[in-house]
Amino acid sequence: MSTETSRPDLDLLNKKFSKLILKQFENRGDQYICVKPADLPTVVEALKNDPSTKYDYFVECVGVDYLTWQHPRDIEGRFEVVYNLYSLHLNERLFIKTAVNEGETIPTLKEIFLGAEYPEREIQDLYGVIFAGNEPVEGERFLLPDDWVGFPLRKDVGLGGEDVVFHDGTEGPAVEDIQMPHAGESFEGTTGSSEISGR
């Protein structure tokens, strides 16, 4: 990593955490850093609490399954989690990447950012990535029905449909007799009991 930048957040990372940062790069105007899962809380807490950076806004975290990806990657591991943090003080955004393989865990950030709790649970439910300190309750799913088997956003899950039981008299993807027009020019189809078209 370089030693001097015009950004206090990158300067802090260079001075205090250069050995923890696996990679630092810019993509389309956004700054990214890659860290090992074990180092994630240390780096994030410093970015949040240091008066020169104040990354005090947790925007989101998302998961990606790279099982079938055949191109170079920024960090090794099948499942990548990308954290999006924002500093109101600096008016800057920083993306932090970490990755794990099947059976490995990522420390939760919910003790640092309470807003991380639900996105982490969503990633657990859909990908099977476990966040230590934010584990799911045995037998309960977060988004999916409790009897759901597997993790539907993994690349090794086959494409197909899942039968859905609708309640309260509904009969399919839309309640009967409700029109749901679509503005897209390429869409034609039916929903409810009415023909719809974007043309």
N, C-alpha and C. Protein backbone atom coordinates (compact mmCIF):
# COMPACT_ATOMS: atom_id res chain seq x y z
N MET A 1 0.84 -1.19 0.00
CA MET A 1 0.00 0.00 0.00
C MET A 1 0.88 1.24 0.00
N SER A 2 0.37 2.31 -0.60
CA SER A 2 1.12 3.56 -0.61
C SER A 2 1.11 4.17 0.78
N THR A 3 1.95 5.18 0.97
CA THR A 3 2.08 5.76 2.31
C THR A 3 1.30 7.05 2.49
N GLU A 4 1.11 7.85 1.46
CA GLU A 4 0.40 9.11 1.60
C GLU A 4 -0.69 9.22 0.54
N THR A 5 -1.89 9.61 0.98
CA THR A 5 -3.00 9.85 0.07
C THR A 5 -3.65 11.15 0.48
N SER A 6 -4.68 11.54 -0.26
CA SER A 6 -5.44 12.73 0.11
C SER A 6 -6.66 12.37 0.93
N ARG A 7 -6.78 11.10 1.32
CA ARG A 7 -7.93 10.64 2.10
C ARG A 7 -7.47 10.17 3.48
N PRO A 8 -8.00 10.78 4.55
CA PRO A 8 -7.62 10.37 5.91
C PRO A 8 -7.92 8.91 6.20
N ASP A 9 -8.99 8.36 5.61
CA ASP A 9 -9.32 6.96 5.86
C ASP A 9 -8.24 6.03 5.32
N LEU A 10 -7.76 6.31 4.13
CA LEU A 10 -6.71 5.47 3.55
C LEU A 10 -5.39 5.68 4.27
N ASP A 11 -5.14 6.91 4.72
CA ASP A 11 -3.92 7.17 5.51
C ASP A 11 -3.95 6.37 6.81
N LEU A 12 -5.12 6.33 7.47
CA LEU A 12 -5.25 5.55 8.71
C LEU A 12 -4.97 4.07 8.44
N LEU A 13 -5.54 3.55 7.38
CA LEU A 13 -5.32 2.14 7.04
C LEU A 13 -3.85 1.87 6.74
N ASN A 14 -3.22 2.79 6.01
CA ASN A 14 -1.79 2.62 5.68
C ASN A 14 -0.92 2.64 6.93
N LYS A 15 -1.23 3.52 7.87
CA LYS A 15 -0.38 3.68 9.06
C LYS A 15 -0.61 2.58 10.09
N LYS A 16 -1.88 2.25 10.36
CA LYS A 16 -2.17 1.34 11.46
C LYS A 16 -2.39 -0.11 11.03
N PHE A 17 -2.84 -0.31 9.81
CA PHE A 17 -3.29 -1.65 9.43
C PHE A 17 -2.69 -2.16 8.13
N SER A 18 -1.54 -1.66 7.75
CA SER A 18 -0.97 -2.08 6.46
C SER A 18 -0.76 -3.59 6.39
N LYS A 19 -0.49 -4.23 7.52
CA LYS A 19 -0.28 -5.69 7.51
C LYS A 19 -1.59 -6.46 7.44
N LEU A 20 -2.70 -5.80 7.75
CA LEU A 20 -4.00 -6.48 7.72
C LEU A 20 -4.71 -6.33 6.38
N ILE A 21 -4.31 -5.34 5.61
CA ILE A 21 -4.96 -5.08 4.32
C ILE A 21 -4.32 -5.97 3.26
N LEU A 22 -5.09 -6.91 2.74
CA LEU A 22 -4.58 -7.82 1.72
C LEU A 22 -4.46 -7.14 0.36
N LYS A 23 -5.39 -6.23 0.10
CA LYS A 23 -5.39 -5.52 -1.18
C LYS A 23 -6.19 -4.24 -1.02
N GLN A 24 -5.74 -3.20 -1.71
CA GLN A 24 -6.47 -1.93 -1.75
C GLN A 24 -6.52 -1.50 -3.20
N PHE A 25 -7.70 -1.08 -3.67
CA PHE A 25 -7.81 -0.66 -5.07
C PHE A 25 -9.01 0.27 -5.24
N GLU A 26 -9.03 0.92 -6.39
CA GLU A 26 -10.14 1.79 -6.76
C GLU A 26 -10.84 1.19 -7.96
N ASN A 27 -12.16 1.25 -7.95
CA ASN A 27 -12.95 0.77 -9.08
C ASN A 27 -14.09 1.74 -9.31
N ARG A 28 -14.07 2.40 -10.45
CA ARG A 28 -15.12 3.35 -10.84
C ARG A 28 -15.33 4.44 -9.79
N GLY A 29 -14.25 4.92 -9.24
CA GLY A 29 -14.30 6.00 -8.27
C GLY A 29 -14.52 5.58 -6.83
N ASP A 30 -14.76 4.30 -6.59
CA ASP A 30 -14.97 3.81 -5.23
C ASP A 30 -13.72 3.09 -4.73
N GLN A 31 -13.43 3.26 -3.44
CA GLN A 31 -12.27 2.61 -2.82
C GLN A 31 -12.69 1.28 -2.20
N TYR A 32 -11.85 0.27 -2.40
CA TYR A 32 -12.08 -1.06 -1.85
C TYR A 32 -10.85 -1.49 -1.07
N ILE A 33 -11.09 -2.23 0.00
CA ILE A 33 -10.00 -2.93 0.68
C ILE A 33 -10.44 -4.36 0.92
N CYS A 34 -9.49 -5.27 0.97
CA CYS A 34 -9.75 -6.68 1.25
C CYS A 34 -9.04 -7.06 2.53
N VAL A 35 -9.75 -7.75 3.42
CA VAL A 35 -9.18 -8.18 4.69
C VAL A 35 -9.58 -9.63 4.97
N LYS A 36 -8.80 -10.30 5.81
CA LYS A 36 -9.17 -11.63 6.28
C LYS A 36 -10.37 -11.49 7.22
N PRO A 37 -11.22 -12.51 7.28
CA PRO A 37 -12.38 -12.41 8.18
C PRO A 37 -12.02 -12.08 9.63
N ALA A 38 -10.96 -12.67 10.15
CA ALA A 38 -10.58 -12.43 11.55
C ALA A 38 -10.20 -10.97 11.81
N ASP A 39 -9.72 -10.27 10.79
CA ASP A 39 -9.29 -8.88 10.94
C ASP A 39 -10.40 -7.87 10.69
N LEU A 40 -11.54 -8.33 10.19
CA LEU A 40 -12.62 -7.43 9.82
C LEU A 40 -13.09 -6.53 10.97
N PRO A 41 -13.44 -7.06 12.16
CA PRO A 41 -13.92 -6.18 13.23
C PRO A 41 -12.90 -5.13 13.66
N THR A 42 -11.63 -5.50 13.70
CA THR A 42 -10.58 -4.56 14.12
C THR A 42 -10.51 -3.37 13.17
N VAL A 43 -10.50 -3.65 11.88
CA VAL A 43 -10.39 -2.59 10.87
C VAL A 43 -11.65 -1.73 10.87
N VAL A 44 -12.82 -2.35 10.91
CA VAL A 44 -14.08 -1.60 10.86
C VAL A 44 -14.25 -0.73 12.11
N GLU A 45 -13.93 -1.28 13.27
CA GLU A 45 -14.07 -0.50 14.50
C GLU A 45 -13.15 0.72 14.50
N ALA A 46 -11.94 0.56 14.00
CA ALA A 46 -11.02 1.69 13.92
C ALA A 46 -11.54 2.75 12.96
N LEU A 47 -12.06 2.33 11.82
CA LEU A 47 -12.61 3.29 10.85
C LEU A 47 -13.81 4.03 11.42
N LYS A 48 -14.59 3.36 12.23
CA LYS A 48 -15.77 4.00 12.83
C LYS A 48 -15.37 4.98 13.93
N ASN A 49 -14.45 4.59 14.79
CA ASN A 49 -14.17 5.36 16.00
C ASN A 49 -13.06 6.39 15.88
N ASP A 50 -12.20 6.27 14.88
CA ASP A 50 -11.12 7.24 14.74
C ASP A 50 -11.71 8.60 14.36
N PRO A 51 -11.35 9.68 15.08
CA PRO A 51 -11.93 10.99 14.79
C PRO A 51 -11.57 11.53 13.41
N SER A 52 -10.53 11.02 12.79
CA SER A 52 -10.16 11.51 11.46
C SER A 52 -10.97 10.85 10.35
N THR A 53 -11.66 9.75 10.66
CA THR A 53 -12.40 9.04 9.62
C THR A 53 -13.90 9.00 9.88
N LYS A 54 -14.31 8.58 11.07
CA LYS A 54 -15.72 8.54 11.48
C LYS A 54 -16.63 7.83 10.46
N TYR A 55 -16.28 6.60 10.12
CA TYR A 55 -17.18 5.80 9.27
C TYR A 55 -18.30 5.28 10.16
N ASP A 56 -19.28 6.15 10.40
CA ASP A 56 -20.32 5.85 11.37
C ASP A 56 -21.65 5.43 10.75
N TYR A 57 -21.67 5.26 9.44
CA TYR A 57 -22.92 4.87 8.77
C TYR A 57 -22.72 3.54 8.05
N PHE A 58 -23.40 2.52 8.52
CA PHE A 58 -23.39 1.21 7.87
C PHE A 58 -24.46 1.22 6.79
N VAL A 59 -24.05 1.12 5.54
CA VAL A 59 -25.01 1.17 4.43
C VAL A 59 -25.62 -0.21 4.19
N GLU A 60 -24.76 -1.21 3.99
CA GLU A 60 -25.26 -2.55 3.70
C GLU A 60 -24.10 -3.54 3.69
N CYS A 61 -24.44 -4.81 3.64
CA CYS A 61 -23.48 -5.84 3.27
C CYS A 61 -24.20 -6.84 2.38
N VAL A 62 -23.48 -7.36 1.41
CA VAL A 62 -24.07 -8.29 0.45
C VAL A 62 -23.17 -9.51 0.31
N GLY A 63 -23.77 -10.62 -0.08
CA GLY A 63 -23.03 -11.85 -0.28
C GLY A 63 -22.97 -12.23 -1.75
N VAL A 64 -21.91 -12.94 -2.12
CA VAL A 64 -21.73 -13.42 -3.49
C VAL A 64 -21.14 -14.83 -3.42
N ASP A 65 -21.66 -15.73 -4.24
CA ASP A 65 -21.11 -17.08 -4.35
C ASP A 65 -20.30 -17.15 -5.64
N TYR A 66 -19.00 -17.37 -5.52
CA TYR A 66 -18.10 -17.43 -6.68
C TYR A 66 -17.74 -18.86 -7.07
N LEU A 67 -18.64 -19.81 -6.82
CA LEU A 67 -18.35 -21.22 -7.10
C LEU A 67 -17.91 -21.45 -8.54
N THR A 68 -18.59 -20.84 -9.49
CA THR A 68 -18.30 -21.10 -10.91
C THR A 68 -17.50 -19.99 -11.58
N TRP A 69 -17.04 -19.03 -10.83
CA TRP A 69 -16.29 -17.89 -11.38
C TRP A 69 -14.91 -18.34 -11.82
N GLN A 70 -14.54 -18.03 -13.06
CA GLN A 70 -13.27 -18.50 -13.60
C GLN A 70 -12.29 -17.38 -13.92
N HIS A 71 -12.53 -16.20 -13.39
CA HIS A 71 -11.67 -15.05 -13.66
C HIS A 71 -10.90 -14.68 -12.39
N PRO A 72 -9.87 -13.85 -12.51
CA PRO A 72 -9.12 -13.43 -11.32
C PRO A 72 -10.04 -12.73 -10.31
N ARG A 73 -9.74 -12.91 -9.04
CA ARG A 73 -10.54 -12.32 -7.97
C ARG A 73 -9.67 -11.44 -7.09
N ASP A 74 -10.33 -10.57 -6.31
CA ASP A 74 -9.63 -9.68 -5.39
C ASP A 74 -9.21 -10.41 -4.12
N ILE A 75 -9.97 -11.42 -3.73
CA ILE A 75 -9.72 -12.14 -2.48
C ILE A 75 -10.19 -13.57 -2.68
N GLU A 76 -9.48 -14.52 -2.07
CA GLU A 76 -9.80 -15.93 -2.27
C GLU A 76 -10.83 -16.42 -1.26
N GLY A 77 -11.70 -17.29 -1.71
CA GLY A 77 -12.75 -17.88 -0.90
C GLY A 77 -14.02 -17.96 -1.73
N ARG A 78 -14.76 -19.04 -1.56
CA ARG A 78 -15.96 -19.22 -2.39
C ARG A 78 -17.00 -18.13 -2.14
N PHE A 79 -17.25 -17.81 -0.87
CA PHE A 79 -18.29 -16.84 -0.52
C PHE A 79 -17.65 -15.51 -0.14
N GLU A 80 -18.00 -14.48 -0.87
CA GLU A 80 -17.46 -13.15 -0.59
C GLU A 80 -18.56 -12.31 0.05
N VAL A 81 -18.20 -11.55 1.07
CA VAL A 81 -19.13 -10.60 1.68
C VAL A 81 -18.51 -9.22 1.54
N VAL A 82 -19.30 -8.29 1.02
CA VAL A 82 -18.84 -6.93 0.77
C VAL A 82 -19.62 -5.98 1.67
N TYR A 83 -18.89 -5.25 2.52
CA TYR A 83 -19.49 -4.27 3.42
C TYR A 83 -19.34 -2.89 2.80
N ASN A 84 -20.42 -2.11 2.86
CA ASN A 84 -20.45 -0.76 2.31
C ASN A 84 -20.61 0.20 3.49
N LEU A 85 -19.56 0.97 3.78
CA LEU A 85 -19.58 1.93 4.88
C LEU A 85 -19.48 3.35 4.34
N TYR A 86 -20.06 4.29 5.08
CA TYR A 86 -20.04 5.69 4.64
C TYR A 86 -19.65 6.59 5.80
N SER A 87 -18.80 7.56 5.50
CA SER A 87 -18.39 8.56 6.49
C SER A 87 -19.05 9.89 6.15
N LEU A 88 -19.98 10.32 6.99
CA LEU A 88 -20.59 11.64 6.80
C LEU A 88 -19.55 12.73 7.01
N HIS A 89 -18.62 12.48 7.91
CA HIS A 89 -17.54 13.43 8.22
C HIS A 89 -16.66 13.69 6.98
N LEU A 90 -16.31 12.63 6.27
CA LEU A 90 -15.44 12.76 5.10
C LEU A 90 -16.21 12.86 3.79
N ASN A 91 -17.50 12.55 3.84
CA ASN A 91 -18.30 12.43 2.62
C ASN A 91 -17.65 11.42 1.66
N GLU A 92 -17.26 10.28 2.22
CA GLU A 92 -16.60 9.22 1.44
C GLU A 92 -17.25 7.88 1.75
N ARG A 93 -17.16 7.00 0.78
CA ARG A 93 -17.66 5.64 0.90
C ARG A 93 -16.47 4.69 0.81
N LEU A 94 -16.54 3.58 1.54
CA LEU A 94 -15.48 2.57 1.51
C LEU A 94 -16.13 1.19 1.49
N PHE A 95 -15.68 0.35 0.57
CA PHE A 95 -16.15 -1.02 0.49
C PHE A 95 -15.08 -1.94 1.07
N ILE A 96 -15.50 -2.83 1.95
CA ILE A 96 -14.57 -3.77 2.59
C ILE A 96 -15.00 -5.18 2.22
N LYS A 97 -14.07 -5.91 1.60
CA LYS A 97 -14.36 -7.28 1.16
C LYS A 97 -13.66 -8.28 2.06
N THR A 98 -14.36 -9.37 2.33
CA THR A 98 -13.76 -10.52 2.99
C THR A 98 -14.38 -11.76 2.36
N ALA A 99 -13.75 -12.91 2.56
CA ALA A 99 -14.25 -14.13 1.91
C ALA A 99 -13.96 -15.35 2.76
N VAL A 100 -14.84 -16.35 2.64
CA VAL A 100 -14.68 -17.62 3.35
C VAL A 100 -15.06 -18.76 2.43
N ASN A 101 -14.63 -19.95 2.81
CA ASN A 101 -15.06 -21.17 2.15
C ASN A 101 -16.11 -21.86 3.01
N GLU A 102 -16.68 -22.92 2.49
CA GLU A 102 -17.70 -23.69 3.20
C GLU A 102 -17.19 -24.08 4.59
N GLY A 103 -18.00 -23.83 5.62
CA GLY A 103 -17.66 -24.22 6.98
C GLY A 103 -16.87 -23.19 7.76
N GLU A 104 -16.35 -22.16 7.10
CA GLU A 104 -15.61 -21.09 7.80
C GLU A 104 -16.59 -20.00 8.22
N THR A 105 -16.22 -19.22 9.23
CA THR A 105 -17.11 -18.18 9.73
C THR A 105 -16.48 -16.80 9.56
N ILE A 106 -17.36 -15.80 9.58
CA ILE A 106 -16.96 -14.40 9.56
C ILE A 106 -17.45 -13.79 10.87
N PRO A 107 -16.63 -13.05 11.60
CA PRO A 107 -17.11 -12.40 12.82
C PRO A 107 -18.21 -11.38 12.50
N THR A 108 -19.25 -11.38 13.30
CA THR A 108 -20.33 -10.42 13.07
C THR A 108 -19.85 -9.00 13.32
N LEU A 109 -20.49 -8.06 12.64
CA LEU A 109 -20.24 -6.64 12.90
C LEU A 109 -21.40 -6.00 13.66
N LYS A 110 -22.36 -6.81 14.14
CA LYS A 110 -23.53 -6.22 14.79
C LYS A 110 -23.20 -5.53 16.10
N GLU A 111 -22.08 -5.88 16.74
CA GLU A 111 -21.68 -5.19 17.96
C GLU A 111 -21.09 -3.81 17.64
N ILE A 112 -20.62 -3.63 16.42
CA ILE A 112 -20.07 -2.35 15.99
C ILE A 112 -21.15 -1.51 15.32
N PHE A 113 -21.91 -2.16 14.43
CA PHE A 113 -23.03 -1.53 13.73
C PHE A 113 -24.25 -2.42 13.92
N LEU A 114 -25.22 -1.97 14.70
CA LEU A 114 -26.43 -2.77 14.91
C LEU A 114 -27.13 -3.05 13.59
N GLY A 115 -26.99 -2.14 12.64
CA GLY A 115 -27.61 -2.32 11.32
C GLY A 115 -27.06 -3.48 10.53
N ALA A 116 -25.98 -4.09 10.98
CA ALA A 116 -25.41 -5.25 10.28
C ALA A 116 -26.15 -6.54 10.62
N GLU A 117 -26.94 -6.54 11.68
CA GLU A 117 -27.56 -7.78 12.13
C GLU A 117 -28.44 -8.42 11.07
N TYR A 118 -29.39 -7.69 10.52
CA TYR A 118 -30.32 -8.30 9.57
C TYR A 118 -29.69 -8.62 8.23
N PRO A 119 -28.85 -7.75 7.64
CA PRO A 119 -28.19 -8.16 6.39
C PRO A 119 -27.33 -9.41 6.56
N GLU A 120 -26.64 -9.54 7.68
CA GLU A 120 -25.86 -10.76 7.92
C GLU A 120 -26.77 -11.97 8.03
N ARG A 121 -27.89 -11.84 8.71
CA ARG A 121 -28.84 -12.96 8.83
C ARG A 121 -29.41 -13.33 7.46
N GLU A 122 -29.63 -12.34 6.62
CA GLU A 122 -30.13 -12.60 5.27
C GLU A 122 -29.10 -13.40 4.46
N ILE A 123 -27.83 -13.01 4.56
CA ILE A 123 -26.76 -13.73 3.86
C ILE A 123 -26.66 -15.16 4.39
N GLN A 124 -26.80 -15.33 5.70
CA GLN A 124 -26.80 -16.68 6.28
C GLN A 124 -27.92 -17.52 5.70
N ASP A 125 -29.10 -16.94 5.62
CA ASP A 125 -30.28 -17.67 5.18
C ASP A 125 -30.21 -18.06 3.70
N LEU A 126 -29.66 -17.19 2.88
CA LEU A 126 -29.67 -17.41 1.43
C LEU A 126 -28.41 -18.09 0.90
N TYR A 127 -27.27 -17.94 1.60
CA TYR A 127 -26.01 -18.52 1.14
C TYR A 127 -25.43 -19.56 2.10
N GLY A 128 -25.85 -19.55 3.35
CA GLY A 128 -25.29 -20.48 4.33
C GLY A 128 -24.00 -20.02 4.97
N VAL A 129 -23.62 -18.76 4.77
CA VAL A 129 -22.42 -18.21 5.40
C VAL A 129 -22.75 -17.90 6.86
N ILE A 130 -21.93 -18.38 7.78
CA ILE A 130 -22.20 -18.18 9.21
C ILE A 130 -21.39 -17.00 9.73
N PHE A 131 -22.05 -16.11 10.45
CA PHE A 131 -21.42 -14.96 11.09
C PHE A 131 -21.33 -15.25 12.59
N ALA A 132 -20.12 -15.47 13.08
CA ALA A 132 -19.91 -15.80 14.49
C ALA A 132 -20.42 -14.67 15.37
N GLY A 133 -21.31 -14.99 16.30
CA GLY A 133 -21.93 -13.99 17.16
C GLY A 133 -23.28 -13.54 16.66
N ASN A 134 -23.68 -14.00 15.47
CA ASN A 134 -24.98 -13.67 14.90
C ASN A 134 -25.56 -14.92 14.23
N GLU A 135 -25.39 -16.06 14.90
CA GLU A 135 -25.82 -17.33 14.33
C GLU A 135 -27.34 -17.44 14.34
N PRO A 136 -27.89 -18.19 13.39
CA PRO A 136 -29.34 -18.38 13.38
C PRO A 136 -29.78 -19.27 14.54
N VAL A 137 -31.02 -19.10 14.96
CA VAL A 137 -31.60 -19.95 15.99
C VAL A 137 -31.87 -21.31 15.36
N GLU A 138 -31.54 -22.37 16.06
CA GLU A 138 -31.71 -23.73 15.55
C GLU A 138 -33.16 -23.95 15.09
N GLY A 139 -33.32 -24.40 13.86
CA GLY A 139 -34.65 -24.71 13.33
C GLY A 139 -35.43 -23.53 12.81
N GLU A 140 -34.85 -22.34 12.85
CA GLU A 140 -35.55 -21.14 12.36
C GLU A 140 -34.79 -20.53 11.20
N ARG A 141 -35.52 -20.10 10.20
CA ARG A 141 -34.94 -19.37 9.08
C ARG A 141 -35.28 -17.89 9.26
N PHE A 142 -34.54 -17.04 8.58
CA PHE A 142 -34.76 -15.60 8.71
C PHE A 142 -35.77 -15.10 7.68
N LEU A 143 -35.52 -15.35 6.40
CA LEU A 143 -36.43 -14.93 5.34
C LEU A 143 -37.29 -16.08 4.83
N LEU A 144 -36.72 -17.26 4.81
CA LEU A 144 -37.37 -18.42 4.20
C LEU A 144 -38.24 -19.15 5.22
N PRO A 145 -39.17 -19.97 4.74
CA PRO A 145 -39.95 -20.79 5.68
C PRO A 145 -39.04 -21.69 6.50
N ASP A 146 -39.44 -21.97 7.73
CA ASP A 146 -38.59 -22.75 8.64
C ASP A 146 -38.27 -24.14 8.12
N ASP A 147 -39.12 -24.70 7.26
CA ASP A 147 -38.87 -26.04 6.75
C ASP A 147 -38.08 -26.05 5.43
N TRP A 148 -37.60 -24.90 5.01
CA TRP A 148 -36.82 -24.81 3.76
C TRP A 148 -35.51 -25.56 3.94
N VAL A 149 -35.14 -26.32 2.92
CA VAL A 149 -33.90 -27.08 2.95
C VAL A 149 -32.90 -26.44 2.00
N GLY A 150 -31.71 -26.11 2.49
CA GLY A 150 -30.66 -25.57 1.63
C GLY A 150 -30.63 -24.06 1.59
N PHE A 151 -29.81 -23.55 0.66
CA PHE A 151 -29.55 -22.12 0.56
C PHE A 151 -29.73 -21.72 -0.91
N PRO A 152 -30.84 -21.05 -1.24
CA PRO A 152 -31.26 -20.90 -2.64
C PRO A 152 -30.38 -20.01 -3.52
N LEU A 153 -29.52 -19.16 -2.97
CA LEU A 153 -28.70 -18.30 -3.83
C LEU A 153 -27.33 -18.88 -4.12
N ARG A 154 -27.07 -20.09 -3.65
CA ARG A 154 -25.80 -20.74 -3.99
C ARG A 154 -25.81 -21.16 -5.46
N LYS A 155 -24.65 -21.10 -6.08
CA LYS A 155 -24.54 -21.44 -7.50
C LYS A 155 -24.77 -22.92 -7.78
N ASP A 156 -24.66 -23.77 -6.78
CA ASP A 156 -24.87 -25.20 -7.02
C ASP A 156 -26.31 -25.64 -6.78
N VAL A 157 -27.21 -24.69 -6.55
CA VAL A 157 -28.63 -24.99 -6.41
C VAL A 157 -29.25 -24.90 -7.79
N GLY A 158 -29.97 -25.94 -8.19
CA GLY A 158 -30.58 -25.96 -9.52
C GLY A 158 -31.64 -24.90 -9.69
N LEU A 159 -31.81 -24.48 -10.93
CA LEU A 159 -32.86 -23.53 -11.25
C LEU A 159 -34.20 -24.25 -11.25
N GLY A 160 -35.23 -23.57 -10.86
CA GLY A 160 -36.55 -24.18 -10.84
C GLY A 160 -37.47 -23.42 -9.93
N GLY A 161 -38.66 -23.91 -9.81
CA GLY A 161 -39.65 -23.22 -9.01
C GLY A 161 -39.88 -23.91 -7.69
N GLU A 162 -40.52 -23.22 -6.81
CA GLU A 162 -40.89 -23.76 -5.51
C GLU A 162 -42.39 -23.53 -5.36
N ASP A 163 -43.14 -24.59 -5.07
CA ASP A 163 -44.57 -24.43 -4.86
C ASP A 163 -44.81 -23.54 -3.65
N VAL A 164 -45.68 -22.56 -3.83
CA VAL A 164 -45.99 -21.62 -2.77
C VAL A 164 -47.46 -21.74 -2.41
N VAL A 165 -47.74 -21.88 -1.14
CA VAL A 165 -49.12 -21.94 -0.67
C VAL A 165 -49.55 -20.53 -0.33
N PHE A 166 -50.57 -20.03 -1.04
CA PHE A 166 -51.08 -18.70 -0.77
C PHE A 166 -52.26 -18.80 0.19
N HIS A 167 -52.41 -17.80 1.02
CA HIS A 167 -53.47 -17.78 2.02
C HIS A 167 -54.49 -16.69 1.69
N ASP A 168 -55.56 -16.68 2.40
CA ASP A 168 -56.59 -15.64 2.31
C ASP A 168 -57.22 -15.56 0.92
N GLY A 169 -57.39 -16.69 0.25
CA GLY A 169 -58.11 -16.71 -1.02
C GLY A 169 -57.34 -16.26 -2.23
N THR A 170 -56.05 -16.06 -2.13
CA THR A 170 -55.28 -15.67 -3.31
C THR A 170 -55.06 -16.88 -4.20
N GLU A 171 -54.90 -16.66 -5.49
CA GLU A 171 -54.81 -17.76 -6.44
C GLU A 171 -53.63 -17.63 -7.38
N GLY A 172 -52.46 -17.39 -6.94
CA GLY A 172 -51.31 -17.34 -7.83
C GLY A 172 -50.44 -16.14 -7.58
N PRO A 173 -49.68 -15.73 -8.61
CA PRO A 173 -48.71 -14.66 -8.38
C PRO A 173 -49.33 -13.30 -8.13
N ALA A 174 -50.59 -13.11 -8.50
CA ALA A 174 -51.26 -11.84 -8.24
C ALA A 174 -52.69 -12.14 -7.80
N VAL A 175 -53.23 -11.31 -6.97
CA VAL A 175 -54.62 -11.48 -6.54
C VAL A 175 -55.50 -11.29 -7.77
N GLU A 176 -56.47 -12.18 -7.96
CA GLU A 176 -57.36 -12.10 -9.12
C GLU A 176 -58.01 -10.72 -9.22
N ASP A 177 -58.20 -10.31 -10.47
CA ASP A 177 -58.89 -9.06 -10.80
C ASP A 177 -58.12 -7.80 -10.42
N ILE A 178 -56.84 -7.93 -10.13
CA ILE A 178 -56.02 -6.74 -9.92
C ILE A 178 -55.07 -6.63 -11.10
N GLN A 179 -55.13 -5.53 -11.81
CA GLN A 179 -54.24 -5.34 -12.94
C GLN A 179 -52.90 -4.82 -12.45
N MET A 180 -51.84 -5.38 -13.02
CA MET A 180 -50.49 -4.94 -12.66
C MET A 180 -49.77 -4.58 -13.95
N PRO A 181 -50.00 -3.39 -14.50
CA PRO A 181 -49.35 -3.04 -15.76
C PRO A 181 -47.84 -2.91 -15.61
N HIS A 182 -47.16 -3.11 -16.71
CA HIS A 182 -45.70 -3.05 -16.74
C HIS A 182 -45.29 -2.06 -17.82
N ALA A 183 -44.41 -1.13 -17.49
CA ALA A 183 -44.03 -0.08 -18.44
C ALA A 183 -42.95 -0.51 -19.41
N GLY A 184 -42.34 -1.65 -19.20
CA GLY A 184 -41.24 -2.08 -20.07
C GLY A 184 -41.71 -2.40 -21.47
N GLU A 185 -40.95 -2.00 -22.47
CA GLU A 185 -41.35 -2.23 -23.85
C GLU A 185 -41.27 -3.69 -24.26
N SER A 186 -40.45 -4.48 -23.59
CA SER A 186 -40.25 -5.86 -24.02
C SER A 186 -41.13 -6.85 -23.27
N PHE A 187 -42.00 -6.37 -22.38
CA PHE A 187 -42.79 -7.28 -21.55
C PHE A 187 -44.18 -7.45 -22.11
N GLU A 188 -44.60 -8.68 -22.27
CA GLU A 188 -45.99 -8.99 -22.59
C GLU A 188 -46.37 -10.20 -21.77
N GLY A 189 -47.56 -10.22 -21.26
CA GLY A 189 -47.97 -11.37 -20.47
C GLY A 189 -49.29 -11.12 -19.80
N THR A 190 -49.67 -12.03 -18.92
CA THR A 190 -50.91 -11.87 -18.19
C THR A 190 -50.62 -11.92 -16.70
N THR A 191 -51.42 -11.23 -15.96
CA THR A 191 -51.37 -11.30 -14.51
C THR A 191 -52.79 -11.12 -14.01
N GLY A 192 -53.13 -11.80 -12.97
CA GLY A 192 -54.52 -11.76 -12.53
C GLY A 192 -55.40 -12.28 -13.64
N SER A 193 -56.45 -11.55 -14.00
CA SER A 193 -57.35 -12.00 -15.06
C SER A 193 -57.31 -11.09 -16.28
N SER A 194 -56.36 -10.16 -16.36
CA SER A 194 -56.33 -9.20 -17.45
C SER A 194 -55.06 -9.33 -18.27
N GLU A 195 -55.18 -9.13 -19.58
CA GLU A 195 -54.03 -9.11 -20.47
C GLU A 195 -53.29 -7.80 -20.24
N ILE A 196 -51.98 -7.86 -20.17
CA ILE A 196 -51.20 -6.63 -20.04
C ILE A 196 -50.10 -6.63 -21.07
N SER A 197 -49.69 -5.48 -21.45
CA SER A 197 -48.61 -5.36 -22.43
C SER A 197 -47.93 -4.03 -22.22
N GLY A 198 -46.63 -4.01 -22.43
CA GLY A 198 -45.88 -2.77 -22.30
C GLY A 198 -45.80 -2.01 -23.60
N ARG A 199 -46.39 -2.53 -24.66
CA ARG A 199 -46.30 -1.87 -25.97
C ARG A 199 -47.53 -1.08 -26.28
